[in-house]
Amino acid sequence: MSRICLLCADGDRIELRETVAAAMWEARRHGTADDRPWPEAGPYWQNVFRELAEDAMAALEPGG
């Protein structure tokens, strides 16, 4: 089964950035001092991970 590239197919970049940021947070939070779910990460860490997600998305785009 093939999967559709969300960077190419998703029209809502802000929602995609939020999805990527939350996934990145969840992937690294377990066993850390910040071990809490994304909605409870707090504004500082949410902004940091949104910026990281935006950078990651830009790096994956053509010409990135």
Protein backbone atom coordinates (compact mmCIF):
# COMPACT_ATOMS: atom_id res chain seq x y z
CA MET A 1 0.00 0.00 0.00
CA SER A 2 1.43 3.38 -0.99
CA ARG A 3 1.07 6.44 1.17
CA ILE A 4 0.40 9.96 -0.03
CA CYS A 5 3.02 12.59 0.76
CA LEU A 6 1.38 14.93 3.26
CA LEU A 7 3.73 17.77 2.33
CA CYS A 8 2.49 17.57 -1.24
CA ALA A 9 -1.17 16.78 -0.62
CA ASP A 10 -2.07 18.77 2.47
CA GLY A 11 -3.50 22.21 1.76
CA ASP A 12 -3.42 23.36 5.38
CA ARG A 13 0.25 23.93 6.18
CA ILE A 14 -0.49 25.22 9.69
CA GLU A 15 -2.41 22.06 10.59
CA LEU A 16 0.33 19.91 9.07
CA ARG A 17 2.96 21.81 11.07
CA GLU A 18 0.94 21.16 14.23
CA THR A 19 0.69 17.45 13.41
CA VAL A 20 4.44 17.18 12.76
CA ALA A 21 5.34 19.16 15.90
CA ALA A 22 3.10 17.00 18.08
CA ALA A 23 4.52 13.80 16.57
CA MET A 24 8.08 14.98 17.15
CA TRP A 25 7.25 15.89 20.76
CA GLU A 26 5.59 12.56 21.43
CA ALA A 27 8.51 10.65 19.89
CA ARG A 28 11.03 12.16 22.32
CA ARG A 29 9.14 12.94 25.52
CA HIS A 30 8.98 9.49 27.12
CA GLY A 31 11.48 9.12 29.93
CA THR A 32 12.44 12.80 29.94
CA ALA A 33 11.82 15.47 32.56
CA ASP A 34 9.18 16.86 30.17
CA ASP A 35 7.20 13.60 29.99
CA ARG A 36 3.74 15.01 29.37
CA PRO A 37 1.46 14.91 26.34
CA TRP A 38 1.62 17.56 23.63
CA PRO A 39 -1.43 19.54 24.83
CA GLU A 40 0.32 19.95 28.20
CA ALA A 41 3.80 20.72 26.81
CA GLY A 42 3.33 24.43 27.46
CA PRO A 43 3.69 27.40 25.14
CA TYR A 44 7.50 27.51 25.18
CA TRP A 45 8.02 23.90 24.09
CA GLN A 46 5.10 23.98 21.67
CA ASN A 47 6.62 26.99 19.91
CA VAL A 48 10.07 25.36 19.82
CA PHE A 49 8.66 22.19 18.26
CA ARG A 50 6.50 24.13 15.80
CA GLU A 51 9.62 25.93 14.58
CA LEU A 52 11.48 22.60 14.31
CA ALA A 53 8.55 21.11 12.40
CA GLU A 54 8.50 24.06 9.99
CA ASP A 55 12.25 23.66 9.39
CA ALA A 56 11.88 19.90 8.86
CA MET A 57 9.02 20.40 6.41
CA ALA A 58 11.02 23.02 4.49
CA ALA A 59 14.02 20.68 4.28
CA LEU A 60 11.85 17.94 2.75
CA GLU A 61 10.34 20.16 0.07
CA PRO A 62 11.89 20.44 -3.39
CA GLY A 63 14.68 22.99 -3.25
CA GLY A 64 14.78 22.73 0.56
